[in-house]
Amino acid sequence: MSPLRTSRLLSEQEVARHCTKDSCWVLRGTRVYDVTGFLRLHPGGDALILHMSGTDIDQEMEGPPHKHSDNARRWMEQYYIGELDRNSCTHKAQTLRERRTTQGTTDDHTQQEEREEGREEGREEEEREEEREEGREEGREEEEESPFSRYSTVDLDKDLVDWAQPLAWQVGHLGERYDAWVHQPVDRPIRLFGNAFLEANTKTSCWHCFVTLAQDRPRVSLTPDFSIPVHKYMFPLLFALGWFLWSFLEYGIHRFIFHMTPPGHNYYLITVHFLLHGQHHKSPYDGSRLVFPPALAAVVTGGLYMALHRVLPGVLGDCVFVGGLCGYVVYDMIHYYLHYGSPRRGSYLYNMKAWHVKHHFEHQRAGFGISTTFWDHPFNTVIPKERF
């Protein structure tokens, strides 16, 4: 999305008018971006962008308090709409009108002035055309020296895949280029399969979970002739244990399965990785792919349920499973909110949103906790703090 691909010039007055939630434009140098659709997705909240609307945000992107990553800068190029026209002809036109007023009121003077004005406007038009051509030439020369050239822009027409076709069978052919490609996010929905039924089963809009808790006075049978009662007040502890175990499982799956690096020569492992998690990193704001599809989730949870019952007898397994299942549902809800919600500044979810966005855009090999950062500390995958 280079500026050379469009000749649209926008005046400072036009840019300044777009300063609301319905239409918000910002600048980086002379480049103009329409970030209206990104306002509610911004990790720092929409107020920060609205406050800078119509102005140059380059300094804010450099920080402090936060220096934006290369991926964040590349992401922003998707909203590029044109160049700022600093050589507006408004002042020149005003000068001509003032000159015409002060030179006299006779018809001869007026006709002579109109002819002179016409010739001058013609010369100005030629000068403006020359300035545009010089500007384009300077743009070509400065593009290599510009700070924007450090970041490869998002160009869907020249991407490594054909976005008009299902991606599931394409990504395996990327080979060694897959890992870099999948961690350069884009703002667009993803289609995995051409078949409508398969595609529908890879998307999830919401979750509904109904659970039945232990009733009466359950007992754990240790032998056919001996059992011990489980008091009802034990349920909160078992429930909390299940939730705690889920948080560990959440971290482990995310780090060791979802973030495995498939061998560049293995078409099938690349395809599996993309279907499991790569698609989410490539298009992190595709709202239909933020939680696990129900059909596949049912298989996974069924397997976990049977595994728990092999380890824990009877109702103990049920109680722990219910806690883990609740932890999973809350994790899904938090994950969705971290992408699409606007948490209050300074709140726990506000900090988790900033943490998770850094994981997507800058630190893909760290910050694997979604609902909590607890397990990142003992496993040394904490996202480092920024220093300026």
Protein backbone atom coordinates (compact mmCIF):
# COMPACT_ATOMS: atom_id res chain seq x y z
CA MET A 1 0.00 0.00 0.00
CA SER A 2 2.57 2.46 -1.13
CA PRO A 3 1.61 6.11 -1.59
CA LEU A 4 2.62 5.79 -5.19
CA ARG A 5 -0.41 3.58 -5.79
CA THR A 6 -2.80 6.46 -5.30
CA SER A 7 -2.80 10.10 -6.35
CA ARG A 8 -5.40 11.16 -3.82
CA LEU A 9 -4.37 14.39 -2.11
CA LEU A 10 -6.17 15.56 1.02
CA SER A 11 -6.12 19.07 2.43
CA GLU A 12 -5.38 19.83 6.08
CA GLN A 13 -8.91 21.16 6.51
CA GLU A 14 -10.43 17.92 5.19
CA VAL A 15 -8.28 15.78 7.48
CA ALA A 16 -9.14 17.95 10.50
CA ARG A 17 -12.88 17.46 9.90
CA HIS A 18 -12.64 13.72 10.53
CA CYS A 19 -12.34 13.71 14.31
CA THR A 20 -15.32 11.67 15.58
CA LYS A 21 -16.09 8.02 16.28
CA ASP A 22 -18.01 7.90 13.01
CA SER A 23 -15.01 9.09 11.01
CA CYS A 24 -11.52 9.38 12.45
CA TRP A 25 -8.41 10.18 10.42
CA VAL A 26 -4.83 10.52 11.67
CA LEU A 27 -1.46 11.38 10.13
CA ARG A 28 2.00 9.92 10.06
CA GLY A 29 4.11 12.53 8.37
CA THR A 30 2.17 13.34 5.20
CA ARG A 31 0.43 9.95 5.09
CA VAL A 32 -3.27 9.95 5.97
CA TYR A 33 -5.00 6.97 7.63
CA ASP A 34 -8.69 6.29 8.21
CA VAL A 35 -8.68 4.41 11.53
CA THR A 36 -12.44 4.58 12.17
CA GLY A 37 -12.85 0.80 12.10
CA PHE A 38 -9.93 0.29 14.48
CA LEU A 39 -11.09 2.63 17.25
CA ARG A 40 -12.83 0.03 19.42
CA LEU A 41 -10.08 -2.52 18.79
CA HIS A 42 -7.26 -0.27 19.99
CA PRO A 43 -5.72 -1.76 23.15
CA GLY A 44 -5.41 1.66 24.77
CA GLY A 45 -9.04 2.57 24.09
CA ASP A 46 -10.61 4.80 21.44
CA ALA A 47 -10.16 8.00 23.48
CA LEU A 48 -6.41 8.04 22.86
CA ILE A 49 -6.84 7.94 19.08
CA LEU A 50 -9.74 10.41 19.05
CA HIS A 51 -7.63 12.84 21.06
CA MET A 52 -4.98 12.72 18.31
CA SER A 53 -7.39 12.76 15.35
CA GLY A 54 -6.34 15.02 12.50
CA THR A 55 -2.78 15.27 13.84
CA ASP A 56 0.54 13.49 13.41
CA ILE A 57 0.77 10.45 15.72
CA ASP A 58 4.36 9.50 14.89
CA GLN A 59 5.71 10.59 18.26
CA GLU A 60 2.99 8.70 20.14
CA MET A 61 3.80 5.52 18.21
CA GLU A 62 7.44 5.80 19.26
CA GLY A 63 6.45 6.13 22.92
CA PRO A 64 6.52 6.45 25.82
CA PRO A 65 4.43 4.96 27.31
CA HIS A 66 4.42 2.32 24.57
CA LYS A 67 6.60 1.89 21.51
CA HIS A 68 4.57 0.22 18.79
CA SER A 69 5.98 -2.90 17.16
CA ASP A 70 6.91 -3.40 13.52
CA ASN A 71 3.73 -5.45 13.08
CA ALA A 72 1.63 -2.62 14.52
CA ARG A 73 3.12 -0.20 11.99
CA ARG A 74 2.61 -2.70 9.20
CA TRP A 75 -0.99 -3.22 10.38
CA MET A 76 -1.65 0.52 10.22
CA GLU A 77 -0.73 0.62 6.53
CA GLN A 78 -3.99 -1.21 5.83
CA TYR A 79 -5.84 2.01 6.70
CA TYR A 80 -3.79 4.28 4.42
CA ILE A 81 -6.04 6.44 2.19
CA GLY A 82 -3.86 9.21 0.74
CA GLU A 83 -1.32 11.98 1.14
CA LEU A 84 -1.58 15.35 2.84
CA ASP A 85 -1.50 18.23 0.33
CA ARG A 86 0.59 20.95 1.95
CA ASN A 87 0.71 23.05 -1.23
CA SER A 88 -2.89 24.15 -1.15
CA CYS A 89 -3.86 26.84 -3.64
CA THR A 90 -6.19 28.51 -1.14
CA HIS A 91 -3.69 31.21 -0.21
CA LYS A 92 -2.84 32.00 -3.84
CA ALA A 93 -6.47 32.30 -4.82
CA GLN A 94 -7.04 34.64 -1.90
CA THR A 95 -4.12 36.80 -3.04
CA LEU A 96 -5.57 37.11 -6.54
CA ARG A 97 -8.94 38.18 -5.20
CA GLU A 98 -7.34 40.85 -3.03
CA ARG A 99 -5.23 42.10 -5.93
CA ARG A 100 -8.32 42.39 -8.15
CA THR A 101 -10.11 44.44 -5.49
CA THR A 102 -7.27 46.93 -5.02
CA GLN A 103 -6.33 47.55 -8.67
CA GLY A 104 -9.35 49.62 -9.66
CA THR A 105 -12.92 49.33 -10.66
CA THR A 106 -12.96 50.37 -14.33
CA ASP A 107 -14.11 47.95 -17.00
CA ASP A 108 -10.81 48.10 -18.85
CA HIS A 109 -8.91 47.34 -15.70
CA THR A 110 -11.33 44.52 -14.86
CA GLN A 111 -11.06 42.93 -18.30
CA GLN A 112 -7.29 43.31 -18.29
CA GLU A 113 -7.15 41.80 -14.81
CA GLU A 114 -9.36 38.87 -15.77
CA ARG A 115 -7.12 38.14 -18.73
CA GLU A 116 -4.07 38.46 -16.49
CA GLU A 117 -5.73 36.30 -13.86
CA GLY A 118 -6.54 33.67 -16.43
CA ARG A 119 -2.94 33.58 -17.62
CA GLU A 120 -1.68 33.49 -14.03
CA GLU A 121 -4.06 30.68 -13.10
CA GLY A 122 -2.83 28.78 -16.13
CA ARG A 123 0.75 29.24 -15.01
CA GLU A 124 -0.19 28.21 -11.48
CA GLU A 125 -1.88 25.08 -12.77
CA GLU A 126 1.28 24.20 -14.67
CA GLU A 127 3.34 24.90 -11.56
CA ARG A 128 1.07 22.69 -9.45
CA GLU A 129 1.38 19.88 -11.97
CA GLU A 130 5.15 20.25 -11.88
CA GLU A 131 5.06 20.24 -8.08
CA ARG A 132 2.99 17.05 -8.09
CA GLU A 133 5.45 15.41 -10.47
CA GLU A 134 8.36 16.58 -8.33
CA GLY A 135 6.56 15.31 -5.25
CA ARG A 136 6.09 11.89 -6.82
CA GLU A 137 9.75 11.84 -7.83
CA GLU A 138 10.82 12.90 -4.33
CA GLY A 139 8.52 10.23 -2.92
CA ARG A 140 10.36 7.61 -4.95
CA GLU A 141 13.72 8.93 -3.75
CA GLU A 142 12.68 9.33 -0.12
CA GLU A 143 10.82 6.04 0.15
CA GLU A 144 14.08 4.16 0.67
CA GLU A 145 15.18 6.62 3.38
CA SER A 146 11.76 6.98 5.02
CA PRO A 147 11.18 5.27 8.39
CA PHE A 148 8.13 3.63 6.80
CA SER A 149 10.37 1.67 4.44
CA ARG A 150 11.69 -0.34 7.39
CA TYR A 151 8.36 -2.11 7.62
CA SER A 152 7.01 -4.18 4.73
CA THR A 153 3.47 -2.99 4.14
CA VAL A 154 0.44 -5.23 3.84
CA ASP A 155 -0.30 -5.75 0.17
CA LEU A 156 -3.00 -8.37 -0.25
CA ASP A 157 -2.53 -8.39 -4.03
CA LYS A 158 1.08 -9.51 -3.62
CA ASP A 159 0.67 -11.76 -0.58
CA LEU A 160 1.96 -15.31 -0.56
CA VAL A 161 -1.56 -16.75 -0.74
CA ASP A 162 -4.63 -16.17 -2.86
CA TRP A 163 -7.15 -14.59 -0.48
CA ALA A 164 -9.98 -15.23 -2.92
CA GLN A 165 -9.53 -18.98 -2.38
CA PRO A 166 -9.79 -21.13 0.79
CA LEU A 167 -6.55 -20.98 2.74
CA ALA A 168 -6.50 -24.44 4.33
CA TRP A 169 -4.88 -26.10 1.33
CA GLN A 170 -2.56 -23.19 0.45
CA VAL A 171 -0.60 -22.52 3.63
CA GLY A 172 1.25 -25.84 3.57
CA HIS A 173 2.99 -24.76 0.38
CA LEU A 174 4.57 -21.73 2.07
CA GLY A 175 7.28 -23.94 3.55
CA GLU A 176 9.99 -22.01 5.41
CA ARG A 177 8.12 -18.75 4.79
CA TYR A 178 5.07 -19.87 6.77
CA ASP A 179 6.26 -18.89 10.26
CA ALA A 180 7.09 -15.30 9.27
CA TRP A 181 3.92 -15.00 7.17
CA VAL A 182 1.51 -16.24 9.85
CA HIS A 183 2.90 -13.78 12.41
CA GLN A 184 2.28 -10.74 10.20
CA PRO A 185 -1.41 -10.09 11.04
CA VAL A 186 -3.95 -8.60 8.67
CA ASP A 187 -7.36 -7.04 9.27
CA ARG A 188 -9.66 -9.25 7.23
CA PRO A 189 -11.79 -12.38 7.67
CA ILE A 190 -10.37 -15.78 6.77
CA ARG A 191 -12.02 -18.55 4.78
CA LEU A 192 -10.54 -21.98 5.46
CA PHE A 193 -12.67 -24.31 3.32
CA GLY A 194 -14.67 -24.02 0.13
CA ASN A 195 -17.33 -26.42 1.42
CA ALA A 196 -20.01 -24.41 3.27
CA PHE A 197 -20.64 -27.15 5.88
CA LEU A 198 -16.97 -27.53 6.78
CA GLU A 199 -16.50 -23.78 6.89
CA ALA A 200 -19.52 -23.30 9.17
CA ASN A 201 -18.08 -25.82 11.63
CA THR A 202 -14.85 -23.84 11.96
CA LYS A 203 -16.64 -20.73 13.23
CA THR A 204 -18.21 -19.92 16.58
CA SER A 205 -20.43 -16.97 17.43
CA CYS A 206 -21.18 -17.68 21.08
CA TRP A 207 -21.15 -20.32 23.77
CA HIS A 208 -23.92 -21.86 25.85
CA CYS A 209 -22.89 -24.14 28.71
CA PHE A 210 -25.22 -26.03 31.01
CA VAL A 211 -23.84 -28.06 33.86
CA THR A 212 -25.45 -30.25 36.50
CA LEU A 213 -23.72 -30.22 39.86
CA ALA A 214 -23.53 -32.99 42.44
CA GLN A 215 -26.64 -33.40 44.56
CA ASP A 216 -27.68 -35.29 47.70
CA ARG A 217 -24.78 -36.84 49.64
CA PRO A 218 -22.21 -38.26 47.22
CA ARG A 219 -19.71 -40.89 48.36
CA VAL A 220 -16.43 -42.05 46.88
CA SER A 221 -16.15 -45.83 46.67
CA LEU A 222 -12.62 -47.00 47.34
CA THR A 223 -13.53 -50.70 47.38
CA PRO A 224 -16.79 -52.58 46.79
CA ASP A 225 -17.30 -52.67 50.55
CA PHE A 226 -15.82 -49.35 51.62
CA SER A 227 -16.67 -45.76 50.69
CA ILE A 228 -16.18 -42.34 52.23
CA PRO A 229 -18.60 -39.42 52.11
CA VAL A 230 -17.71 -36.23 50.29
CA HIS A 231 -19.09 -33.27 52.17
CA LYS A 232 -20.89 -30.65 50.13
CA TYR A 233 -18.45 -28.01 51.38
CA MET A 234 -15.66 -29.84 49.53
CA PHE A 235 -17.22 -28.89 46.23
CA PRO A 236 -15.79 -25.31 46.12
CA LEU A 237 -12.29 -26.66 46.69
CA LEU A 238 -12.64 -29.31 44.00
CA PHE A 239 -14.21 -26.75 41.68
CA ALA A 240 -11.29 -24.34 42.28
CA LEU A 241 -8.82 -27.19 41.69
CA GLY A 242 -10.45 -27.87 38.31
CA TRP A 243 -10.24 -24.20 37.36
CA PHE A 244 -6.59 -24.07 38.43
CA LEU A 245 -5.76 -27.16 36.40
CA TRP A 246 -7.47 -25.61 33.39
CA SER A 247 -5.29 -22.50 33.66
CA PHE A 248 -2.22 -24.75 33.41
CA LEU A 249 -3.76 -26.61 30.49
CA GLU A 250 -4.57 -23.29 28.82
CA TYR A 251 -0.93 -22.24 29.05
CA GLY A 252 0.45 -25.61 27.97
CA ILE A 253 -1.78 -26.00 24.92
CA HIS A 254 -1.17 -22.43 23.81
CA ARG A 255 2.58 -22.62 24.17
CA PHE A 256 3.51 -26.16 23.16
CA ILE A 257 0.79 -27.05 20.62
CA PHE A 258 -0.60 -23.81 19.22
CA HIS A 259 2.85 -22.21 19.03
CA MET A 260 4.86 -25.13 17.77
CA THR A 261 7.00 -24.23 14.77
CA PRO A 262 6.10 -26.71 12.03
CA PRO A 263 9.00 -27.88 9.82
CA GLY A 264 9.13 -25.88 6.63
CA HIS A 265 9.25 -29.05 4.51
CA ASN A 266 6.16 -30.65 6.08
CA TYR A 267 3.01 -29.57 4.22
CA TYR A 268 0.66 -31.42 6.58
CA LEU A 269 2.03 -30.07 9.87
CA ILE A 270 1.92 -26.52 8.50
CA THR A 271 -1.70 -27.04 7.47
CA VAL A 272 -2.62 -28.50 10.88
CA HIS A 273 -0.91 -25.61 12.68
CA PHE A 274 -2.74 -23.04 10.57
CA LEU A 275 -6.10 -24.71 11.20
CA LEU A 276 -5.46 -24.89 14.96
CA HIS A 277 -4.01 -21.47 15.65
CA GLY A 278 -2.11 -19.91 12.75
CA GLN A 279 -5.33 -18.56 11.25
CA HIS A 280 -5.97 -16.61 14.47
CA HIS A 281 -2.55 -14.97 14.41
CA LYS A 282 -2.89 -14.12 10.74
CA SER A 283 -6.29 -12.45 11.23
CA PRO A 284 -6.59 -11.67 14.97
CA TYR A 285 -9.79 -9.63 14.59
CA ASP A 286 -11.84 -12.18 12.69
CA GLY A 287 -14.65 -12.34 15.25
CA SER A 288 -15.93 -15.75 14.17
CA ARG A 289 -12.62 -17.46 14.95
CA LEU A 290 -11.83 -16.32 18.47
CA VAL A 291 -13.19 -19.37 20.33
CA PHE A 292 -12.92 -23.09 19.70
CA PRO A 293 -15.62 -24.53 17.38
CA PRO A 294 -18.25 -26.47 19.41
CA ALA A 295 -17.96 -29.75 17.50
CA LEU A 296 -14.21 -30.02 18.04
CA ALA A 297 -14.50 -28.68 21.60
CA ALA A 298 -17.00 -31.45 22.42
CA VAL A 299 -14.47 -34.10 21.37
CA VAL A 300 -11.68 -32.51 23.43
CA THR A 301 -13.80 -32.00 26.55
CA GLY A 302 -15.14 -35.54 26.27
CA GLY A 303 -11.59 -36.87 26.22
CA LEU A 304 -10.65 -34.78 29.26
CA TYR A 305 -13.75 -35.98 31.11
CA MET A 306 -12.83 -39.63 30.58
CA ALA A 307 -9.22 -38.96 31.55
CA LEU A 308 -10.30 -37.31 34.82
CA HIS A 309 -12.52 -40.27 35.68
CA ARG A 310 -9.59 -42.62 35.22
CA VAL A 311 -7.57 -40.61 37.73
CA LEU A 312 -10.23 -39.45 40.21
CA PRO A 313 -13.03 -41.70 41.46
CA GLY A 314 -16.69 -40.92 40.87
CA VAL A 315 -17.98 -37.57 41.96
CA LEU A 316 -14.48 -36.17 42.56
CA GLY A 317 -13.82 -36.32 38.83
CA ASP A 318 -17.17 -34.67 38.14
CA CYS A 319 -16.48 -31.76 40.49
CA VAL A 320 -12.99 -31.12 39.13
CA PHE A 321 -14.27 -31.42 35.56
CA VAL A 322 -17.04 -28.86 36.21
CA GLY A 323 -14.45 -26.42 37.58
CA GLY A 324 -12.20 -26.93 34.59
CA LEU A 325 -15.10 -26.60 32.16
CA CYS A 326 -16.15 -23.34 33.79
CA GLY A 327 -12.56 -22.10 33.58
CA TYR A 328 -12.53 -22.93 29.88
CA VAL A 329 -15.78 -21.05 29.19
CA VAL A 330 -14.52 -18.02 31.12
CA TYR A 331 -11.22 -18.23 29.19
CA ASP A 332 -13.13 -18.16 25.90
CA MET A 333 -15.17 -15.16 27.06
CA ILE A 334 -12.04 -13.31 28.22
CA HIS A 335 -10.22 -14.07 24.97
CA TYR A 336 -13.07 -12.65 22.93
CA TYR A 337 -13.24 -9.56 25.13
CA LEU A 338 -9.48 -8.97 24.90
CA HIS A 339 -9.90 -8.62 21.13
CA TYR A 340 -13.18 -6.74 20.89
CA GLY A 341 -13.82 -5.20 24.31
CA SER A 342 -12.86 -1.77 25.64
CA PRO A 343 -11.93 -2.38 29.29
CA ARG A 344 -11.62 0.49 31.74
CA ARG A 345 -8.15 1.98 31.85
CA GLY A 346 -6.05 0.54 34.68
CA SER A 347 -8.32 -2.50 35.21
CA TYR A 348 -7.15 -6.12 35.17
CA LEU A 349 -8.68 -6.75 31.74
CA TYR A 350 -7.14 -3.53 30.40
CA ASN A 351 -3.68 -4.82 31.33
CA MET A 352 -4.49 -8.29 29.96
CA LYS A 353 -5.63 -6.76 26.67
CA ALA A 354 -2.32 -4.87 26.35
CA TRP A 355 -0.47 -8.10 27.24
CA HIS A 356 -2.34 -10.16 24.65
CA VAL A 357 -1.96 -7.58 21.87
CA LYS A 358 1.80 -7.54 22.48
CA HIS A 359 1.74 -11.34 22.13
CA HIS A 360 0.05 -11.02 18.74
CA PHE A 361 2.04 -8.14 17.31
CA GLU A 362 5.49 -8.30 18.91
CA HIS A 363 6.24 -11.17 21.30
CA GLN A 364 4.84 -14.29 19.65
CA ARG A 365 7.22 -16.51 21.67
CA ALA A 366 6.13 -15.14 25.04
CA GLY A 367 2.98 -14.13 26.90
CA PHE A 368 1.09 -17.39 26.46
CA GLY A 369 -1.36 -16.81 29.32
CA ILE A 370 -4.76 -15.52 28.19
CA SER A 371 -6.94 -15.34 31.29
CA THR A 372 -3.95 -15.04 33.64
CA THR A 373 -0.20 -14.46 33.42
CA PHE A 374 0.44 -16.77 36.39
CA TRP A 375 2.12 -19.63 34.48
CA ASP A 376 4.30 -17.32 32.38
CA HIS A 377 6.38 -16.51 35.47
CA PRO A 378 7.61 -20.00 36.48
CA PHE A 379 8.14 -20.93 32.81
CA ASN A 380 10.03 -17.70 32.06
CA THR A 381 7.82 -16.52 29.19
CA VAL A 382 6.87 -13.15 30.66
CA ILE A 383 6.71 -10.36 28.09
CA PRO A 384 9.58 -7.96 28.95
CA LYS A 385 8.75 -4.47 30.10
CA GLU A 386 9.55 -1.62 27.74
CA ARG A 387 12.43 0.70 28.51
CA PHE A 388 12.94 4.12 27.00
